[in-house]
C-alpha atoms as a PDB file:
ATOM      1  CA  MET A   1       1.223  90.345 -38.380  1.00  0.00           C
ATOM      2  CA  SER A   2      -2.603  91.372 -37.203  1.00  0.00           C
ATOM      3  CA  ALA A   3      -3.727  90.013 -39.814  1.00  0.00           C
ATOM      4  CA  GLU A   4      -2.052  86.971 -40.279  1.00  0.00           C
ATOM      5  CA  VAL A   5      -2.889  85.763 -36.145  1.00  0.00           C
ATOM      6  CA  LEU A   6      -6.847  86.872 -36.770  1.00  0.00           C
ATOM      7  CA  LEU A   7      -7.002  84.560 -39.734  1.00  0.00           C
ATOM      8  CA  ALA A   8      -4.775  82.019 -37.833  1.00  0.00           C
ATOM      9  CA  LEU A   9      -6.681  82.293 -35.176  1.00  0.00           C
ATOM     10  CA  GLU A  10     -10.196  81.723 -37.383  1.00  0.00           C
ATOM     11  CA  GLU A  11      -8.287  78.462 -39.276  1.00  0.00           C
ATOM     12  CA  LEU A  12      -8.405  77.021 -35.191  1.00  0.00           C
ATOM     13  CA  GLU A  13     -11.689  78.004 -34.587  1.00  0.00           C
ATOM     14  CA  LYS A  14     -13.478  76.254 -37.352  1.00  0.00           C
ATOM     15  CA  GLU A  15     -10.518  73.001 -37.002  1.00  0.00           C
ATOM     16  CA  LYS A  16     -10.157  72.287 -33.293  1.00  0.00           C
ATOM     17  CA  GLY A  17     -12.497  73.919 -32.380  1.00  0.00           C
ATOM     18  CA  ILE A  18     -11.148  76.172 -30.235  1.00  0.00           C
ATOM     19  CA  ASP A  19     -13.153  79.679 -29.032  1.00  0.00           C
ATOM     20  CA  LYS A  20     -11.557  82.591 -31.426  1.00  0.00           C
ATOM     21  CA  GLU A  21     -12.789  85.052 -28.574  1.00  0.00           C
ATOM     22  CA  VAL A  22     -11.241  82.861 -25.956  1.00  0.00           C
ATOM     23  CA  ILE A  23      -7.622  83.156 -27.381  1.00  0.00           C
ATOM     24  CA  ILE A  24      -7.603  86.825 -28.031  1.00  0.00           C
ATOM     25  CA  SER A  25      -8.889  87.502 -24.497  1.00  0.00           C
ATOM     26  CA  ALA A  26      -5.977  85.823 -23.166  1.00  0.00           C
ATOM     27  CA  ILE A  27      -3.913  87.587 -25.494  1.00  0.00           C
ATOM     28  CA  GLU A  28      -5.114  90.872 -24.611  1.00  0.00           C
ATOM     29  CA  ALA A  29      -4.363  89.432 -20.423  1.00  0.00           C
ATOM     30  CA  ALA A  30      -0.877  88.716 -21.272  1.00  0.00           C
ATOM     31  CA  LEU A  31      -0.306  91.627 -23.324  1.00  0.00           C
ATOM     32  CA  ASN A  32      -1.582  93.346 -19.762  1.00  0.00           C
ATOM     33  CA  ALA A  33       0.323  92.259 -18.208  1.00  0.00           C
ATOM     34  CA  SER A  34       3.404  92.333 -19.831  1.00  0.00           C
ATOM     35  CA  TYR A  35       3.756  95.378 -20.965  1.00  0.00           C
ATOM     36  CA  GLY A  36       2.235  97.697 -18.503  1.00  0.00           C
ATOM     37  CA  LYS A  37       4.623  95.886 -15.972  1.00  0.00           C
ATOM     38  CA  SER A  38       8.364  96.068 -18.068  1.00  0.00           C
ATOM     39  CA  GLU A  39       7.598  99.018 -20.716  1.00  0.00           C
ATOM     40  CA  THR A  40       5.558 102.185 -18.522  1.00  0.00           C
ATOM     41  CA  GLU A  41       4.228 103.009 -14.887  1.00  0.00           C
ATOM     42  CA  THR A  42       1.441 104.748 -16.768  1.00  0.00           C
ATOM     43  CA  ASN A  43      -1.820 102.374 -16.387  1.00  0.00           C
ATOM     44  CA  THR A  44      -2.521 100.782 -19.926  1.00  0.00           C
ATOM     45  CA  ARG A  45      -4.804  98.849 -22.219  1.00  0.00           C
ATOM     46  CA  VAL A  46      -4.027  96.535 -23.951  1.00  0.00           C
ATOM     47  CA  GLU A  47      -6.609  96.388 -27.272  1.00  0.00           C
ATOM     48  CA  PHE A  48      -6.727  93.365 -30.312  1.00  0.00           C
ATOM     49  CA  ASN A  49      -9.320  94.619 -32.708  1.00  0.00           C
ATOM     50  CA  ARG A  50     -12.221  91.497 -32.975  1.00  0.00           C
ATOM     51  CA  GLU A  51     -11.951  93.122 -36.917  1.00  0.00           C
ATOM     52  CA  THR A  52      -9.255  94.003 -38.215  1.00  0.00           C
ATOM     53  CA  GLY A  53      -6.668  92.098 -36.415  1.00  0.00           C
ATOM     54  CA  GLU A  54      -4.947  95.739 -35.247  1.00  0.00           C
ATOM     55  CA  ILE A  55      -3.833  95.823 -31.626  1.00  0.00           C
ATOM     56  CA  LYS A  56      -3.158  98.795 -29.594  1.00  0.00           C
ATOM     57  CA  VAL A  57      -1.732 100.009 -26.012  1.00  0.00           C
ATOM     58  CA  TYR A  58      -3.629 102.766 -24.981  1.00  0.00           C
ATOM     59  CA  ALA A  59      -2.468 104.878 -22.067  1.00  0.00           C
ATOM     60  CA  GLN A  60      -5.869 105.711 -18.964  1.00  0.00           C
ATOM     61  CA  LYS A  61      -4.739 108.419 -16.936  1.00  0.00           C
ATOM     62  CA  GLU A  62      -7.058 109.852 -14.196  1.00  0.00           C
ATOM     63  CA  VAL A  63      -8.539 113.321 -15.493  1.00  0.00           C
ATOM     64  CA  VAL A  64      -7.651 116.193 -12.344  1.00  0.00           C
ATOM     65  CA  GLU A  65      -7.663 120.311 -11.778  1.00  0.00           C
ATOM     66  CA  VAL A  66      -3.796 120.037 -10.521  1.00  0.00           C
ATOM     67  CA  VAL A  67      -1.580 117.803 -11.928  1.00  0.00           C
ATOM     68  CA  GLU A  68       0.487 116.122  -9.533  1.00  0.00           C
ATOM     69  CA  ASN A  69       1.280 112.907 -10.718  1.00  0.00           C
ATOM     70  CA  ASP A  70       2.043 113.009 -14.723  1.00  0.00           C
ATOM     71  CA  THR A  71       2.488 109.010 -15.126  1.00  0.00           C
ATOM     72  CA  ALA A  72      -1.403 108.804 -13.480  1.00  0.00           C
ATOM     73  CA  GLU A  73      -3.019 112.107 -14.064  1.00  0.00           C
ATOM     74  CA  LEU A  74      -4.152 114.264 -17.431  1.00  0.00           C
ATOM     75  CA  SER A  75      -4.915 117.954 -16.591  1.00  0.00           C
ATOM     76  CA  LEU A  76      -8.556 119.062 -17.943  1.00  0.00           C
ATOM     77  CA  GLU A  77      -7.256 120.893 -20.582  1.00  0.00           C
ATOM     78  CA  GLU A  78      -5.454 117.827 -21.831  1.00  0.00           C
ATOM     79  CA  ALA A  79      -8.194 115.416 -21.212  1.00  0.00           C
ATOM     80  CA  ARG A  80     -10.921 117.795 -23.374  1.00  0.00           C
ATOM     81  CA  GLU A  81      -8.098 118.639 -26.295  1.00  0.00           C
ATOM     82  CA  ILE A  82      -8.812 114.138 -26.378  1.00  0.00           C
ATOM     83  CA  ASP A  83     -12.586 114.583 -25.807  1.00  0.00           C
ATOM     84  CA  PRO A  84     -14.780 118.330 -24.933  1.00  0.00           C
ATOM     85  CA  GLU A  85     -17.202 115.261 -22.872  1.00  0.00           C
ATOM     86  CA  PHE A  86     -14.131 114.791 -19.816  1.00  0.00           C
ATOM     87  CA  GLU A  87     -14.411 115.881 -16.607  1.00  0.00           C
ATOM     88  CA  ILE A  88     -12.633 115.798 -13.229  1.00  0.00           C
ATOM     89  CA  GLY A  89     -12.612 112.219 -12.212  1.00  0.00           C
ATOM     90  CA  ASP A  90     -12.971 110.727 -15.085  1.00  0.00           C
ATOM     91  CA  LEU A  91     -10.628 108.419 -17.086  1.00  0.00           C
ATOM     92  CA  ALA A  92      -9.205 109.426 -19.842  1.00  0.00           C
ATOM     93  CA  GLU A  93      -7.611 107.246 -22.309  1.00  0.00           C
ATOM     94  CA  PHE A  94      -5.368 108.114 -25.307  1.00  0.00           C
ATOM     95  CA  GLU A  95      -3.024 105.959 -28.042  1.00  0.00           C
ATOM     96  CA  ILE A  96       0.845 105.181 -27.335  1.00  0.00           C
ATOM     97  CA  THR A  97       0.934 102.195 -29.376  1.00  0.00           C
ATOM     98  CA  PRO A  98       5.099 101.885 -29.132  1.00  0.00           C
ATOM     99  CA  LYS A  99       6.199 101.458 -33.025  1.00  0.00           C
ATOM    100  CA  ASN A 100       8.244  98.481 -32.070  1.00  0.00           C
ATOM    101  CA  PHE A 101       5.210  96.667 -30.373  1.00  0.00           C
ATOM    102  CA  GLY A 102       4.275  94.316 -33.205  1.00  0.00           C
ATOM    103  CA  ARG A 103       6.986  92.411 -32.464  1.00  0.00           C
ATOM    104  CA  LEU A 104       6.294  91.921 -28.915  1.00  0.00           C
ATOM    105  CA  ALA A 105       2.414  91.252 -29.414  1.00  0.00           C
ATOM    106  CA  ALA A 106       3.186  89.032 -32.051  1.00  0.00           C
ATOM    107  CA  GLN A 107       6.100  86.982 -29.712  1.00  0.00           C
ATOM    108  CA  LYS A 108       3.136  86.727 -26.720  1.00  0.00           C
ATOM    109  CA  ALA A 109       0.744  85.714 -29.463  1.00  0.00           C
ATOM    110  CA  THR A 110       2.093  83.145 -30.501  1.00  0.00           C
ATOM    111  CA  GLN A 111       2.779  82.333 -27.095  1.00  0.00           C
ATOM    112  CA  ILE A 112      -0.255  81.983 -26.150  1.00  0.00           C
ATOM    113  CA  ILE A 113      -1.472  79.986 -29.490  1.00  0.00           C
ATOM    114  CA  ILE A 114       0.463  77.246 -29.324  1.00  0.00           C
ATOM    115  CA  GLN A 115      -0.170  76.663 -25.230  1.00  0.00           C
ATOM    116  CA  LYS A 116      -3.555  77.309 -25.635  1.00  0.00           C
ATOM    117  CA  LEU A 117      -3.179  73.906 -28.797  1.00  0.00           C
ATOM    118  CA  ARG A 118      -1.489  72.516 -25.942  1.00  0.00           C
ATOM    119  CA  GLU A 119      -4.314  72.365 -24.050  1.00  0.00           C
ATOM    120  CA  GLU A 120      -7.481  71.895 -26.195  1.00  0.00           C
ATOM    121  CA  GLU A 121      -5.119  68.435 -27.609  1.00  0.00           C
ATOM    122  CA  ARG A 122      -4.963  67.488 -23.790  1.00  0.00           C
ATOM    123  CA  THR A 123      -8.397  68.089 -23.096  1.00  0.00           C
ATOM    124  CA  ARG A 124      -8.996  65.915 -26.271  1.00  0.00           C
ATOM    125  CA  VAL A 125      -7.190  63.042 -25.756  1.00  0.00           C
ATOM    126  CA  TYR A 126      -7.995  63.261 -21.759  1.00  0.00           C
ATOM    127  CA  ASP A 127     -12.211  62.828 -23.063  1.00  0.00           C
ATOM    128  CA  GLN A 128     -10.594  60.789 -25.530  1.00  0.00           C
ATOM    129  CA  PHE A 129      -9.792  57.701 -23.134  1.00  0.00           C
ATOM    130  CA  ARG A 130     -12.414  58.378 -19.999  1.00  0.00           C
ATOM    131  CA  ALA A 131     -14.206  56.679 -22.557  1.00  0.00           C
ATOM    132  CA  LYS A 132     -12.611  54.024 -22.007  1.00  0.00           C
ATOM    133  CA  GLU A 133     -12.270  53.331 -18.285  1.00  0.00           C
ATOM    134  CA  LYS A 134     -13.209  50.231 -17.340  1.00  0.00           C
ATOM    135  CA  ASP A 135     -12.360  48.583 -20.357  1.00  0.00           C
ATOM    136  CA  VAL A 136      -9.341  47.297 -22.690  1.00  0.00           C
ATOM    137  CA  VAL A 137      -6.423  48.940 -23.824  1.00  0.00           C
ATOM    138  CA  THR A 138      -3.241  47.877 -26.142  1.00  0.00           C
ATOM    139  CA  GLY A 139      -0.065  49.275 -26.343  1.00  0.00           C
ATOM    140  CA  THR A 140       3.231  49.134 -25.980  1.00  0.00           C
ATOM    141  CA  ILE A 141       5.995  48.952 -23.333  1.00  0.00           C
ATOM    142  CA  GLN A 142       7.920  51.993 -23.328  1.00  0.00           C
ATOM    143  CA  ARG A 143      10.061  51.499 -20.291  1.00  0.00           C
ATOM    144  CA  ILE A 144      10.922  50.430 -17.314  1.00  0.00           C
ATOM    145  CA  GLU A 145      11.183  51.888 -14.366  1.00  0.00           C
ATOM    146  CA  ILE A 146      13.016  50.086 -10.999  1.00  0.00           C
ATOM    147  CA  ARG A 147      13.099  51.602  -7.903  1.00  0.00           C
ATOM    148  CA  ASP A 148      13.394  51.351  -3.943  1.00  0.00           C
ATOM    149  CA  THR A 149      10.780  51.136  -2.204  1.00  0.00           C
ATOM    150  CA  LYS A 150      10.928  52.287   1.748  1.00  0.00           C
ATOM    151  CA  GLU A 151      11.707  48.988   3.190  1.00  0.00           C
ATOM    152  CA  GLY A 152      14.459  48.326   1.089  1.00  0.00           C
ATOM    153  CA  LYS A 153      13.484  46.234  -1.991  1.00  0.00           C
ATOM    154  CA  LYS A 154      12.627  47.135  -5.999  1.00  0.00           C
ATOM    155  CA  GLU A 155       9.695  47.181  -7.944  1.00  0.00           C
ATOM    156  CA  ARG A 156       9.332  48.606 -11.696  1.00  0.00           C
ATOM    157  CA  ILE A 157       6.990  51.061 -13.136  1.00  0.00           C
ATOM    158  CA  ILE A 158       5.958  49.858 -15.844  1.00  0.00           C
ATOM    159  CA  HIS A 159       5.907  52.876 -18.700  1.00  0.00           C
ATOM    160  CA  VAL A 160       3.140  51.591 -21.791  1.00  0.00           C
ATOM    161  CA  ASP A 161       2.677  53.703 -24.872  1.00  0.00           C
ATOM    162  CA  LEU A 162      -0.739  53.494 -25.707  1.00  0.00           C
ATOM    163  CA  GLY A 163      -0.733  55.953 -29.171  1.00  0.00           C
ATOM    164  CA  GLN A 164      -1.279  59.694 -27.587  1.00  0.00           C
ATOM    165  CA  ILE A 165      -1.030  59.002 -23.940  1.00  0.00           C
ATOM    166  CA  GLU A 166       1.297  56.993 -21.117  1.00  0.00           C
ATOM    167  CA  GLY A 167      -0.258  54.183 -19.799  1.00  0.00           C
ATOM    168  CA  ILE A 168       1.116  53.005 -16.283  1.00  0.00           C
ATOM    169  CA  LEU A 169       1.065  49.961 -14.822  1.00  0.00           C
ATOM    170  CA  LEU A 170       2.289  49.935 -11.208  1.00  0.00           C
ATOM    171  CA  PRO A 171       3.971  46.924  -8.843  1.00  0.00           C
ATOM    172  CA  ALA A 172      -0.003  46.595  -7.205  1.00  0.00           C
ATOM    173  CA  GLU A 173      -1.743  46.477 -10.525  1.00  0.00           C
ATOM    174  CA  GLN A 174       0.765  44.140 -11.990  1.00  0.00           C
ATOM    175  CA  VAL A 175       1.225  40.137 -12.272  1.00  0.00           C
ATOM    176  CA  GLU A 176       4.148  38.808 -10.215  1.00  0.00           C
ATOM    177  CA  THR A 177       5.411  36.675 -12.572  1.00  0.00           C
ATOM    178  CA  GLU A 178       5.095  38.030 -15.845  1.00  0.00           C
ATOM    179  CA  GLN A 179       7.900  39.180 -17.324  1.00  0.00           C
ATOM    180  CA  TYR A 180       8.073  42.431 -18.932  1.00  0.00           C
ATOM    181  CA  ARG A 181      10.507  44.128 -21.380  1.00  0.00           C
ATOM    182  CA  VAL A 182      10.937  46.787 -23.572  1.00  0.00           C
ATOM    183  CA  TYR A 183       8.878  46.453 -27.150  1.00  0.00           C
ATOM    184  CA  ASP A 184       6.705  44.308 -26.210  1.00  0.00           C
ATOM    185  CA  ARG A 185       2.972  44.403 -26.925  1.00  0.00           C
ATOM    186  CA  ILE A 186      -0.050  43.975 -23.701  1.00  0.00           C
ATOM    187  CA  LYS A 187      -3.079  44.069 -23.493  1.00  0.00           C
ATOM    188  CA  ALA A 188      -4.459  45.934 -20.207  1.00  0.00           C
ATOM    189  CA  TYR A 189      -7.091  46.556 -18.041  1.00  0.00           C
ATOM    190  CA  VAL A 190      -7.965  50.247 -17.687  1.00  0.00           C
ATOM    191  CA  LEU A 191      -8.857  51.177 -13.737  1.00  0.00           C
ATOM    192  CA  GLU A 192      -8.407  55.377 -13.804  1.00  0.00           C
ATOM    193  CA  VAL A 193      -7.749  58.650 -16.624  1.00  0.00           C
ATOM    194  CA  LYS A 194      -5.863  61.196 -14.826  1.00  0.00           C
ATOM    195  CA  ASP A 195      -5.939  64.688 -16.264  1.00  0.00           C
ATOM    196  CA  LYS A 196      -2.306  64.650 -14.923  1.00  0.00           C
ATOM    197  CA  GLY A 197       0.512  62.570 -15.369  1.00  0.00           C
ATOM    198  CA  PHE A 198       2.567  60.256 -13.180  1.00  0.00           C
ATOM    199  CA  LYS A 199       5.858  62.636 -12.959  1.00  0.00           C
ATOM    200  CA  SER A 200       4.416  65.363 -15.670  1.00  0.00           C
ATOM    201  CA  LYS A 201       1.493  68.185 -16.085  1.00  0.00           C
ATOM    202  CA  GLU A 202       0.161  65.297 -19.745  1.00  0.00           C
ATOM    203  CA  PRO A 203      -3.024  63.377 -18.444  1.00  0.00           C
ATOM    204  CA  CYS A 204      -1.883  59.064 -18.732  1.00  0.00           C
ATOM    205  CA  VAL A 205      -3.969  56.342 -18.181  1.00  0.00           C
ATOM    206  CA  MET A 206      -3.221  53.977 -14.698  1.00  0.00           C
ATOM    207  CA  ILE A 207      -3.973  49.952 -16.004  1.00  0.00           C
ATOM    208  CA  SER A 208      -4.079  46.405 -13.921  1.00  0.00           C
ATOM    209  CA  ARG A 209      -2.918  43.645 -15.454  1.00  0.00           C
ATOM    210  CA  SER A 210      -4.103  41.978 -12.731  1.00  0.00           C
ATOM    211  CA  HIS A 211      -7.654  42.766 -12.299  1.00  0.00           C
ATOM    212  CA  PRO A 212     -10.588  40.425 -12.794  1.00  0.00           C
ATOM    213  CA  ASN A 213     -12.251  42.755 -15.328  1.00  0.00           C
ATOM    214  CA  LEU A 214      -9.556  42.270 -17.594  1.00  0.00           C
ATOM    215  CA  VAL A 215     -10.693  39.125 -17.985  1.00  0.00           C
ATOM    216  CA  LYS A 216     -14.189  39.335 -18.350  1.00  0.00           C
ATOM    217  CA  ARG A 217     -13.805  42.334 -20.987  1.00  0.00           C
ATOM    218  CA  LEU A 218     -11.161  39.570 -22.777  1.00  0.00           C
ATOM    219  CA  PHE A 219     -13.923  37.744 -22.994  1.00  0.00           C
ATOM    220  CA  GLU A 220     -16.187  39.996 -24.074  1.00  0.00           C
ATOM    221  CA  LEU A 221     -13.529  40.588 -27.200  1.00  0.00           C
ATOM    222  CA  GLU A 222     -13.397  37.635 -27.926  1.00  0.00           C
ATOM    223  CA  VAL A 223     -17.276  35.506 -27.199  1.00  0.00           C
ATOM    224  CA  PRO A 224     -20.134  37.016 -29.893  1.00  0.00           C
ATOM    225  CA  GLU A 225     -21.781  35.696 -27.739  1.00  0.00           C
ATOM    226  CA  ILE A 226     -21.002  38.271 -24.488  1.00  0.00           C
ATOM    227  CA  HIS A 227     -20.649  40.802 -27.094  1.00  0.00           C
ATOM    228  CA  ASP A 228     -24.278  40.922 -28.332  1.00  0.00           C
ATOM    229  CA  GLY A 229     -25.747  40.139 -24.067  1.00  0.00           C
ATOM    230  CA  THR A 230     -27.237  36.086 -24.977  1.00  0.00           C
ATOM    231  CA  VAL A 231     -24.413  34.738 -22.528  1.00  0.00           C
ATOM    232  CA  GLU A 232     -23.696  36.133 -19.671  1.00  0.00           C
ATOM    233  CA  ILE A 233     -20.605  36.396 -16.951  1.00  0.00           C
ATOM    234  CA  MET A 234     -22.733  36.102 -14.002  1.00  0.00           C
ATOM    235  CA  ASN A 235     -20.008  35.669 -11.272  1.00  0.00           C
ATOM    236  CA  ILE A 236     -15.530  36.071 -11.575  1.00  0.00           C
ATOM    237  CA  ALA A 237     -12.946  35.132  -9.521  1.00  0.00           C
ATOM    238  CA  ARG A 238      -9.138  35.916 -10.331  1.00  0.00           C
ATOM    239  CA  GLU A 239      -5.402  34.354  -8.452  1.00  0.00           C
ATOM    240  CA  PRO A 240      -3.547  36.094 -11.269  1.00  0.00           C
ATOM    241  CA  ASP A 241      -1.693  34.389 -12.929  1.00  0.00           C
ATOM    242  CA  SER A 242      -2.974  31.146 -11.078  1.00  0.00           C
ATOM    243  CA  ARG A 243      -6.492  30.594 -12.242  1.00  0.00           C
ATOM    244  CA  THR A 244      -9.756  32.076 -13.239  1.00  0.00           C
ATOM    245  CA  LYS A 245     -12.839  31.218 -12.356  1.00  0.00           C
ATOM    246  CA  ILE A 246     -16.175  32.563 -14.257  1.00  0.00           C
ATOM    247  CA  SER A 247     -19.732  31.782 -13.971  1.00  0.00           C
ATOM    248  CA  VAL A 248     -21.897  31.441 -18.069  1.00  0.00           C
ATOM    249  CA  TYR A 249     -25.886  32.067 -18.643  1.00  0.00           C
ATOM    250  CA  SER A 250     -26.803  32.161 -21.167  1.00  0.00           C
ATOM    251  CA  LYS A 251     -30.369  33.797 -22.079  1.00  0.00           C
ATOM    252  CA  ASP A 252     -30.888  31.415 -24.702  1.00  0.00           C
ATOM    253  CA  GLU A 253     -31.721  27.706 -24.469  1.00  0.00           C
ATOM    254  CA  ASN A 254     -30.634  26.786 -27.513  1.00  0.00           C
ATOM    255  CA  VAL A 255     -27.760  28.860 -26.776  1.00  0.00           C
ATOM    256  CA  GLU A 256     -25.202  26.720 -24.502  1.00  0.00           C
ATOM    257  CA  PRO A 257     -23.051  29.284 -22.760  1.00  0.00           C
ATOM    258  CA  VAL A 258     -19.456  26.999 -21.837  1.00  0.00           C
ATOM    259  CA  GLY A 259     -19.754  26.044 -24.915  1.00  0.00           C
ATOM    260  CA  ALA A 260     -20.019  29.162 -26.729  1.00  0.00           C
ATOM    261  CA  CYS A 261     -16.652  31.030 -24.332  1.00  0.00           C
ATOM    262  CA  VAL A 262     -14.700  27.599 -24.851  1.00  0.00           C
ATOM    263  CA  GLY A 263     -14.945  27.643 -28.279  1.00  0.00           C
ATOM    264  CA  GLN A 264     -14.716  25.039 -31.323  1.00  0.00           C
ATOM    265  CA  LYS A 265     -11.425  22.781 -29.925  1.00  0.00           C
ATOM    266  CA  GLY A 266     -11.082  25.615 -27.302  1.00  0.00           C
ATOM    267  CA  MET A 267     -10.214  28.315 -29.752  1.00  0.00           C
ATOM    268  CA  ARG A 268     -11.822  31.403 -27.617  1.00  0.00           C
ATOM    269  CA  VAL A 269     -10.735  30.268 -24.547  1.00  0.00           C
ATOM    270  CA  GLN A 270      -7.656  29.551 -25.540  1.00  0.00           C
ATOM    271  CA  VAL A 271      -6.599  33.566 -26.580  1.00  0.00           C
ATOM    272  CA  ILE A 272      -7.526  34.559 -23.910  1.00  0.00           C
ATOM    273  CA  VAL A 273      -5.666  32.165 -22.212  1.00  0.00           C
ATOM    274  CA  ASP A 274      -2.319  33.490 -24.223  1.00  0.00           C
ATOM    275  CA  GLU A 275      -3.103  36.767 -23.828  1.00  0.00           C
ATOM    276  CA  LEU A 276      -2.773  36.056 -19.531  1.00  0.00           C
ATOM    277  CA  ARG A 277       0.165  33.905 -20.407  1.00  0.00           C
ATOM    278  CA  GLY A 278      -0.574  30.472 -19.867  1.00  0.00           C
ATOM    279  CA  GLU A 279      -3.114  30.900 -16.822  1.00  0.00           C
ATOM    280  CA  ARG A 280      -5.749  28.684 -16.045  1.00  0.00           C
ATOM    281  CA  ILE A 281      -9.526  29.423 -16.767  1.00  0.00           C
ATOM    282  CA  ASP A 282     -12.399  26.966 -15.352  1.00  0.00           C
ATOM    283  CA  ILE A 283     -15.151  27.868 -17.365  1.00  0.00           C
ATOM    284  CA  ILE A 284     -18.771  27.258 -15.733  1.00  0.00           C
ATOM    285  CA  LYS A 285     -22.866  26.960 -16.330  1.00  0.00           C
ATOM    286  CA  TRP A 286     -24.420  28.918 -13.681  1.00  0.00           C
ATOM    287  CA  SER A 287     -26.761  27.913 -11.399  1.00  0.00           C
ATOM    288  CA  PRO A 288     -28.636  30.129  -9.004  1.00  0.00           C
ATOM    289  CA  TYR A 289     -28.262  27.358  -6.058  1.00  0.00           C
ATOM    290  CA  ALA A 290     -24.842  27.263  -4.579  1.00  0.00           C
ATOM    291  CA  ASP A 291     -25.404  23.196  -4.816  1.00  0.00           C
ATOM    292  CA  ASP A 292     -25.448  23.556  -8.150  1.00  0.00           C
ATOM    293  CA  LEU A 293     -22.523  26.153  -8.867  1.00  0.00           C
ATOM    294  CA  ILE A 294     -20.032  24.100  -5.743  1.00  0.00           C
ATOM    295  CA  ALA A 295     -21.028  20.720  -7.918  1.00  0.00           C
ATOM    296  CA  SER A 296     -19.701  22.244 -11.305  1.00  0.00           C
ATOM    297  CA  SER A 297     -16.018  23.151  -9.581  1.00  0.00           C
END
C-alpha cells in the first residue's frame, strides 16, 4: 500500500502539478489527529517516509526519574534502552505501529488525495473562468428555479451549464420579456466569478443578459474591425429588450465605422439582433461635437 500511495503522489505531482509534499503533510496531519484521538491515550506522531512510502506511528513520552503516568512518561532506564543519550526531561520516541495501521492509513490517504484533487480542480476552474470576467460565454440552461420574494411575488433564477462551472442569471440581470426554457442555448456577459457557488461550495459565474457590455462584446465577436481595434465603440446606451444605441469611430479613414458594424446587407448587426431576441440596435458615427451626435440620432 505504501509504495502505491507514493507512486500515486508522484503521478499527481507530474500530471496535476500538485506538490507531493503538501499532500504528504496533510496525510500526516490527518493521521496524527485521527489515530492520536481514537486509538491511544499516549502522545503519538505519525510519519510518512518520503523515500519508501512507509507510514509509521511513534509514541512520545517524557523521560522522568519516577514514572507517575505510564501513558505519558518513561523511566530513564527504559529510555536509555532506546537511546543511551537520553536524559531526564527529554522526549523519548519509539515505534508502536500497530499491525492493522496500514488499512487505516490507506483509507485516510485516499480521502486526502481525493480532497486535494477536488480542491485543485475547483482552483483550476475558478482561475480559468476568472480570465473570462467581462467577456461573453455560451451555455445551456440547465434548470429554472422559481422562488417567492419578500413582497410575495414570484421570481426566477436561471441556472446555466457552462461546461465545467455553473452560470447564475439572477432576476436583476435578466431581460424581463425574454423567455428562458430548459436546454435553450444562450450567450451572457460575465459579471463576476465567485469561488463559492450560489448554494454550494463549488465556484460559479454570475452572468447577465441585460448589461450594456453584452452588446459591446457581441459586436467585438461579430465585427473584425472592432476586434482588431480599427473601429472603436465610443459610447453605448441600452434599454434591455427595447433598444440599444452605440456610437462608433474609425481610426482608419478608409473604413466607414457604421458600415463595418452593419455589414453587407445588414448581416453582421442582424446576428446580434437575433441573439438579443429582436432588440433594436441603432448605430451612429461618433463625433466630439454634441450637436452632430444629436443630429445623427
